[in-house]
Protein backbone atom coordinates (compact mmCIF):
# COMPACT_ATOMS: atom_id res chain seq x y z
CA UNK A 1 55.02 -67.10 154.37
CA UNK A 2 55.24 -65.30 157.73
CA UNK A 3 52.84 -63.39 159.92
CA UNK A 4 54.49 -62.86 163.29
CA UNK A 5 51.45 -64.20 165.19
CA UNK A 6 51.52 -66.63 168.11
CA UNK A 7 52.04 -70.27 167.10
CA UNK A 8 50.30 -73.17 168.80
CA UNK A 9 52.36 -75.02 171.36
CA UNK A 10 52.29 -78.67 172.40
CA UNK A 11 48.70 -79.99 172.75
CA UNK A 12 47.33 -76.95 170.90
CA UNK A 13 45.82 -76.29 167.51
CA UNK A 14 43.92 -73.56 165.64
CA UNK A 15 40.19 -73.16 165.91
CA UNK A 16 39.67 -73.56 162.18
CA UNK A 17 36.78 -75.40 160.52
CA UNK A 18 37.64 -74.54 156.90
CA UNK A 19 38.62 -78.08 155.75
CA UNK A 20 35.09 -79.13 156.63
CA UNK A 21 33.01 -76.00 156.09
CA UNK A 22 34.89 -73.66 153.75
CA UNK A 23 37.16 -75.35 151.21
CA UNK A 24 38.43 -73.44 148.21
CA UNK A 25 38.32 -74.06 144.43
CA UNK A 26 41.23 -72.32 142.84
CA UNK A 27 41.71 -70.99 139.32
CA UNK A 28 44.27 -73.70 138.49
CA UNK A 29 41.56 -76.35 139.21
CA UNK A 30 42.89 -77.29 142.67
CA UNK A 31 40.45 -77.92 145.52
CA UNK A 32 42.15 -76.75 148.70
CA UNK A 33 41.47 -76.91 152.42
CA UNK A 34 40.98 -73.12 152.72
CA UNK A 35 41.37 -69.81 150.94
CA UNK A 36 45.10 -69.72 151.82
CA UNK A 37 45.74 -73.03 150.00
CA UNK A 38 47.84 -75.68 151.73
CA UNK A 39 46.63 -79.28 151.46
CA UNK A 40 45.31 -80.08 147.97
CA UNK A 41 42.17 -82.29 147.96
CA UNK A 42 42.61 -83.05 144.32
CA UNK A 43 41.81 -81.56 140.91
CA UNK A 44 38.40 -80.74 139.41
CA UNK A 45 37.97 -82.08 135.95
CA UNK A 46 40.36 -84.98 136.58
CA UNK A 47 37.60 -87.56 137.29
CA UNK A 48 36.39 -87.36 140.87
CA UNK A 49 33.38 -85.17 141.57
CA UNK A 50 33.52 -82.17 143.84
CA UNK A 51 31.71 -84.25 146.51
CA UNK A 52 34.29 -87.03 146.12
CA UNK A 53 37.12 -84.57 146.59
CA UNK A 54 35.59 -83.35 149.88
CA UNK A 55 35.83 -86.96 151.06
CA UNK A 56 39.29 -87.73 149.63
CA UNK A 57 42.24 -88.98 151.67
CA UNK A 58 43.95 -85.59 151.32
CA UNK A 59 40.85 -83.85 152.66
CA UNK A 60 40.85 -86.19 155.66
CA UNK A 61 44.63 -85.52 156.18
CA UNK A 62 43.94 -81.77 156.31
CA UNK A 63 41.26 -82.30 158.97
CA UNK A 64 43.40 -84.73 160.92
CA UNK A 65 46.28 -82.25 161.15
CA UNK A 66 43.98 -79.84 163.00
CA UNK A 67 42.47 -82.58 165.15
CA UNK A 68 45.89 -83.75 166.37
CA UNK A 69 47.68 -80.39 166.52
CA UNK A 70 50.23 -81.74 164.00
CA UNK A 71 50.00 -78.59 161.91
CA UNK A 72 51.99 -77.70 158.82
CA UNK A 73 53.87 -74.44 158.54
CA UNK A 74 51.03 -72.54 156.98
CA UNK A 75 48.52 -73.51 159.63
CA UNK A 76 50.92 -72.78 162.42
CA UNK A 77 51.25 -69.10 161.41
CA UNK A 78 47.70 -68.49 160.17
CA UNK A 79 46.46 -65.13 161.51
CA UNK A 80 42.77 -65.85 161.02
CA UNK A 81 42.01 -68.24 163.87
CA UNK A 82 42.89 -68.28 167.57
CA UNK A 83 44.88 -71.02 169.36
CA UNK A 84 42.91 -73.60 171.45
CA UNK A 85 43.78 -76.90 173.11
CA UNK A 86 43.37 -80.02 171.00
CA UNK A 87 40.89 -81.38 173.53
CA UNK A 88 38.66 -78.30 173.19
CA UNK A 89 38.93 -78.44 169.39
CA UNK A 90 37.94 -82.12 169.12
CA UNK A 91 34.93 -81.49 171.23
CA UNK A 92 33.91 -78.57 168.99
CA UNK A 93 34.32 -80.64 165.80
CA UNK A 94 32.34 -83.51 167.31
CA UNK A 95 29.56 -80.98 168.04
CA UNK A 96 29.84 -79.52 164.52
CA UNK A 97 29.48 -82.93 162.79
CA UNK A 98 26.23 -83.46 164.60
CA UNK A 99 24.83 -80.17 163.28
CA UNK A 100 25.78 -80.27 159.54
CA UNK A 101 24.57 -82.56 156.87
CA UNK A 102 27.19 -85.18 155.93
CA UNK A 103 28.08 -86.05 152.36
CA UNK A 104 29.33 -89.28 150.79
CA UNK A 105 30.21 -92.44 152.63
CA UNK A 106 30.33 -92.05 156.45
CA UNK A 107 33.10 -93.81 158.36
CA UNK A 108 32.07 -92.30 161.73
CA UNK A 109 35.19 -90.37 162.59
CA UNK A 110 35.92 -86.68 163.00
CA UNK A 111 37.46 -86.44 159.56
CA UNK A 112 34.06 -87.07 157.92
CA UNK A 113 33.03 -84.56 155.29
CA UNK A 114 29.92 -82.41 155.53
CA UNK A 115 28.21 -80.28 152.97
CA UNK A 116 30.35 -77.12 153.23
CA UNK A 117 28.78 -74.07 154.75
CA UNK A 118 30.57 -72.04 152.15
CA UNK A 119 33.01 -72.63 149.20
CA UNK A 120 35.63 -70.07 148.17
CA UNK A 121 35.57 -69.82 144.38
CA UNK A 122 38.50 -68.29 142.58
CA UNK A 123 37.66 -67.74 138.85
CA UNK A 124 41.03 -66.18 138.12
CA UNK A 125 44.28 -65.40 139.87
CA UNK A 126 44.87 -62.37 137.65
CA UNK A 127 44.53 -58.94 139.32
CA UNK A 128 44.28 -55.37 138.11
CA UNK A 129 46.32 -54.03 141.03
CA UNK A 130 49.84 -54.73 142.21
CA UNK A 131 49.84 -54.43 145.93
CA UNK A 132 53.36 -54.39 147.27
CA UNK A 133 52.75 -57.15 149.87
CA UNK A 134 50.71 -59.54 147.69
CA UNK A 135 51.49 -62.76 145.80
CA UNK A 136 51.06 -60.67 142.60
CA UNK A 137 54.29 -58.80 143.42
CA UNK A 138 56.44 -61.91 143.11
CA UNK A 139 58.08 -62.87 139.84
CA UNK A 140 57.32 -66.54 140.48
CA UNK A 141 53.54 -66.06 140.77
CA UNK A 142 51.78 -67.82 137.86
CA UNK A 143 48.40 -66.62 136.75
CA UNK A 144 45.58 -69.13 136.12
CA UNK A 145 42.02 -68.89 134.97
CA UNK A 146 39.29 -71.45 135.11
CA UNK A 147 37.96 -72.31 131.62
CA UNK A 148 34.32 -71.29 131.04
CA UNK A 149 33.25 -74.93 130.82
CA UNK A 150 34.87 -75.70 134.16
CA UNK A 151 33.26 -72.66 135.75
CA UNK A 152 29.83 -73.85 134.60
CA UNK A 153 30.43 -77.37 135.91
CA UNK A 154 31.68 -76.09 139.30
CA UNK A 155 28.64 -73.83 139.62
CA UNK A 156 26.39 -76.75 138.73
CA UNK A 157 28.09 -78.93 141.37
CA UNK A 158 27.83 -76.34 144.04
CA UNK A 159 24.13 -75.86 143.36
CA UNK A 160 23.57 -79.63 143.18
CA UNK A 161 25.38 -80.21 146.52
CA UNK A 162 23.18 -77.62 148.17
CA UNK A 163 26.14 -75.45 149.25
CA UNK A 164 24.26 -72.48 150.83
CA UNK A 165 27.02 -69.83 150.33
CA UNK A 166 29.72 -69.17 147.73
CA UNK A 167 32.47 -66.54 148.22
CA UNK A 168 33.91 -65.27 144.93
CA UNK A 169 37.36 -64.82 146.46
CA UNK A 170 40.91 -65.77 145.75
CA UNK A 171 44.41 -64.58 145.06
CA UNK A 172 43.21 -62.50 142.09
CA UNK A 173 40.33 -60.14 141.27
CA UNK A 174 37.38 -62.12 140.01
CA UNK A 175 35.72 -59.15 138.46
CA UNK A 176 38.42 -58.88 135.74
CA UNK A 177 36.81 -61.93 134.10
CA UNK A 178 34.51 -60.84 131.26
CA UNK A 179 30.96 -61.78 132.23
CA UNK A 180 31.85 -62.56 135.86
CA UNK A 181 28.43 -61.27 136.89
CA UNK A 182 26.67 -63.98 134.78
CA UNK A 183 28.29 -66.71 136.89
CA UNK A 184 27.39 -64.83 140.06
CA UNK A 185 23.81 -64.46 138.83
CA UNK A 186 23.50 -68.17 138.14
CA UNK A 187 24.27 -68.85 141.75
CA UNK A 188 22.03 -66.13 143.00
CA UNK A 189 19.11 -67.31 140.80
CA UNK A 190 19.50 -70.77 142.35
CA UNK A 191 19.11 -69.36 145.83
CA UNK A 192 22.77 -69.52 146.77
CA UNK A 193 23.94 -66.62 148.94
CA UNK A 194 26.93 -65.06 147.17
CA UNK A 195 29.69 -63.03 148.72
CA UNK A 196 32.72 -61.45 147.18
CA UNK A 197 35.99 -59.91 148.20
CA UNK A 198 36.96 -57.30 145.65
CA UNK A 199 39.20 -54.25 145.11
CA UNK A 200 36.52 -52.38 143.08
CA UNK A 201 39.55 -50.76 141.28
CA UNK A 202 37.86 -50.19 137.89
CA UNK A 203 34.64 -48.31 137.21
CA UNK A 204 31.71 -50.75 137.34
CA UNK A 205 28.58 -50.74 135.16
CA UNK A 206 25.06 -50.28 136.46
CA UNK A 207 24.45 -53.95 135.69
CA UNK A 208 27.45 -54.95 137.83
CA UNK A 209 26.27 -52.62 140.64
CA UNK A 210 22.92 -54.44 140.64
CA UNK A 211 24.59 -57.79 140.71
CA UNK A 212 26.70 -56.72 143.70
CA UNK A 213 23.59 -55.41 145.38
CA UNK A 214 21.86 -58.79 145.03
CA UNK A 215 24.64 -60.48 147.10
CA UNK A 216 24.72 -61.29 150.73
CA UNK A 217 27.94 -59.38 151.23
CA UNK A 218 30.45 -57.29 149.28
CA UNK A 219 33.78 -56.92 151.02
CA UNK A 220 36.07 -54.19 149.74
CA UNK A 221 39.79 -54.72 150.27
CA UNK A 222 40.99 -51.27 151.26
CA UNK A 223 43.90 -50.41 153.54
CA UNK A 224 43.80 -46.55 153.32
CA UNK A 225 41.59 -43.73 152.03
CA UNK A 226 44.64 -41.50 151.43
CA UNK A 227 45.05 -41.14 147.66
CA UNK A 228 48.86 -40.87 147.69
CA UNK A 229 49.42 -43.79 150.09
CA UNK A 230 46.86 -45.92 148.22
CA UNK A 231 48.70 -45.43 144.93
CA UNK A 232 52.04 -46.26 146.59
CA UNK A 233 50.69 -49.44 148.23
CA UNK A 234 48.29 -50.68 145.53
CA UNK A 235 48.97 -48.77 142.30
CA UNK A 236 45.35 -47.77 141.84
CA UNK A 237 43.11 -44.77 142.50
CA UNK A 238 41.11 -44.99 145.77
CA UNK A 239 38.52 -42.52 144.33
CA UNK A 240 37.30 -45.25 141.89
CA UNK A 241 36.77 -47.75 144.68
CA UNK A 242 34.85 -45.24 146.79
CA UNK A 243 32.68 -44.22 143.85
CA UNK A 244 31.91 -47.85 143.19
CA UNK A 245 30.94 -48.38 146.85
CA UNK A 246 28.42 -45.52 146.50
CA UNK A 247 27.03 -47.05 143.24
CA UNK A 248 26.54 -50.44 144.92
CA UNK A 249 24.88 -48.95 148.00
CA UNK A 250 22.66 -46.88 145.74
CA UNK A 251 21.67 -49.97 143.78
CA UNK A 252 20.76 -51.71 146.98
CA UNK A 253 18.54 -48.78 147.97
CA UNK A 254 16.54 -49.53 144.77
CA UNK A 255 16.55 -53.29 145.19
CA UNK A 256 16.03 -53.31 148.97
CA UNK A 257 17.89 -56.60 149.42
CA UNK A 258 17.35 -57.31 153.15
CA UNK A 259 20.37 -59.66 153.29
CA UNK A 260 22.92 -57.22 151.83
CA UNK A 261 25.88 -55.88 153.76
CA UNK A 262 28.92 -53.99 152.75
CA UNK A 263 32.15 -54.85 154.66
CA UNK A 264 35.59 -53.38 154.43
CA UNK A 265 38.84 -55.23 155.06
CA UNK A 266 42.14 -53.48 155.85
CA UNK A 267 45.64 -54.88 156.12
CA UNK A 268 47.34 -53.05 158.94
CA UNK A 269 50.97 -51.94 158.56
CA UNK A 270 53.12 -49.28 160.22
CA UNK A 271 52.40 -47.00 157.28
CA UNK A 272 48.61 -47.43 157.26
CA UNK A 273 48.04 -47.48 161.00
CA UNK A 274 47.93 -43.69 161.43
CA UNK A 275 45.09 -43.48 158.94
CA UNK A 276 42.89 -46.26 160.24
CA UNK A 277 40.57 -43.82 161.98
CA UNK A 278 40.08 -42.12 158.60
CA UNK A 279 39.23 -45.51 157.09
CA UNK A 280 36.69 -46.10 159.84
CA UNK A 281 35.14 -42.66 159.48
CA UNK A 282 34.83 -42.93 155.69
CA UNK A 283 33.22 -46.37 156.07
CA UNK A 284 30.62 -45.03 158.46
CA UNK A 285 29.97 -42.02 156.28
CA UNK A 286 29.30 -44.20 153.25
CA UNK A 287 27.01 -46.69 155.06
CA UNK A 288 29.33 -49.58 155.40
CA UNK A 289 28.21 -52.18 157.97
CA UNK A 290 31.48 -53.56 159.29
CA UNK A 291 35.25 -52.91 159.09
CA UNK A 292 37.86 -55.58 159.68
CA UNK A 293 41.52 -55.10 160.55
CA UNK A 294 44.02 -57.90 159.59
CA UNK A 295 47.77 -58.30 159.98
CA UNK A 296 50.21 -58.42 157.13
CA UNK A 297 51.28 -61.80 155.80
CA UNK A 298 54.88 -61.83 154.57
CA UNK A 299 54.68 -63.69 151.27
CA UNK A 300 57.60 -65.86 150.18
CA UNK A 301 59.45 -64.33 147.30
CA UNK A 302 58.94 -60.68 148.39
CA UNK A 303 62.05 -59.37 150.05
CA UNK A 304 61.49 -57.50 153.37
CA UNK A 305 62.98 -54.33 151.90
CA UNK A 306 60.29 -54.34 149.19
CA UNK A 307 57.26 -54.81 151.40
CA UNK A 308 56.02 -53.47 154.78
CA UNK A 309 57.29 -55.25 157.88
CA UNK A 310 55.40 -58.06 159.49
CA UNK A 311 54.58 -57.80 163.20
CA UNK A 312 57.60 -59.89 164.31
CA UNK A 313 59.90 -57.68 162.27
CA UNK A 314 58.80 -54.50 164.14
CA UNK A 315 60.25 -53.02 167.27
CA UNK A 316 57.98 -52.95 170.39
CA UNK A 317 57.32 -49.19 170.07
CA UNK A 318 55.93 -49.63 166.51
CA UNK A 319 53.78 -52.61 167.58
CA UNK A 320 52.44 -50.57 170.47
CA UNK A 321 51.65 -47.69 168.14
CA UNK A 322 49.78 -49.97 165.77
CA UNK A 323 47.85 -51.36 168.74
CA UNK A 324 46.86 -47.89 169.82
CA UNK A 325 45.73 -46.94 166.29
CA UNK A 326 43.66 -50.10 165.87
CA UNK A 327 42.06 -49.69 169.27
CA UNK A 328 41.11 -46.07 168.49
CA UNK A 329 39.49 -47.14 165.20
CA UNK A 330 37.78 -50.03 166.95
CA UNK A 331 36.30 -47.82 169.63
CA UNK A 332 35.09 -45.35 166.97
CA UNK A 333 33.32 -48.09 165.07
CA UNK A 334 31.79 -49.67 168.20
CA UNK A 335 30.41 -46.24 169.16
CA UNK A 336 28.85 -45.74 165.68
CA UNK A 337 27.97 -49.27 164.50
CA UNK A 338 27.95 -51.38 167.67
CA UNK A 339 30.20 -54.35 168.50
CA UNK A 340 29.16 -56.14 165.31
CA UNK A 341 30.58 -53.28 163.24
CA UNK A 342 34.25 -54.11 163.79
CA UNK A 343 36.54 -57.10 163.81
CA UNK A 344 40.19 -57.28 164.75
CA UNK A 345 42.00 -60.44 163.67
CA UNK A 346 43.19 -62.51 166.63
CA UNK A 347 46.78 -62.51 165.41
CA UNK A 348 46.84 -58.72 165.26
CA UNK A 349 45.28 -58.22 168.65
CA UNK A 350 47.53 -60.80 170.35
CA UNK A 351 50.69 -59.02 169.02
CA UNK A 352 50.20 -55.80 170.87
CA UNK A 353 48.72 -57.60 173.91
CA UNK A 354 51.91 -59.67 174.08
CA UNK A 355 54.02 -56.49 173.86
CA UNK A 356 51.98 -54.87 176.62
CA UNK A 357 52.43 -57.90 178.85
CA UNK A 358 56.23 -57.91 178.30
């Protein structure tokens, strides 16, 4: 995997709290340190409880890597979190452990587990799209699906632990599971705030629209609103996704869920950059609350000539052009939605800032 973002140097680490606050349950049964995978805490259904896995030796190892700056390759190139000094990071984690409820046996060190603030839950790794830059485009990618019994037990465990938020997110599209909304509604009925990242690539039912509208957040993965480019990049029809957005927002008008927000997430490439302002304008027109811009991750197994270039594969002029396009869209969104209405991933912003400095 490659991203082209700045890597931590000696005495530095990433400002990531996921191994404590946002671990992931994957469709193959693995409990991982974050939504990207990496260190495996263990397997659900193999004996230990979910709470035990959060306190496992592997879980502590994942936390210790961040605490020492001894990061593995995936953490080093992660585009989600900025680089900070190890000293700053340890102070932050020390503060964090004093503000979150611990779980299991306490050994009074910074690798202690806490009740996660959120758990990423992947019901399936199957997807109904084939984005050219995604894991799904590799021949080696193996699809998995949590058995119904396992889903029920994981949902029970999350409710029992008091996990306040669950994000139905992973490498696949969770809404391709028949009855996915039933699992979401079990969590919602128990008072868990549910979020989802989805492609909304198939027409949804009115029931599904109401389930989406009950959530805390629906995040649409969308890189362009241009029909031709969308089909080239993702193999679907962008009009279906936009119609589904309207259905969900209409359902929320009826439900009046005060916690609901709609967010869009766009992967920025040289091809999509010129249309980012169109994405921003469409989002504002439809009533979306926030738009995020992220950099492309080069997935192992996808040859560079079959996917868009990552930031470090681009020439300085292209990187500067992407920077200008993102900044224009960012300004537009700030003007219409305020500073909270836009997010630019640190790895993306640092790329064009580095080019500007050079």
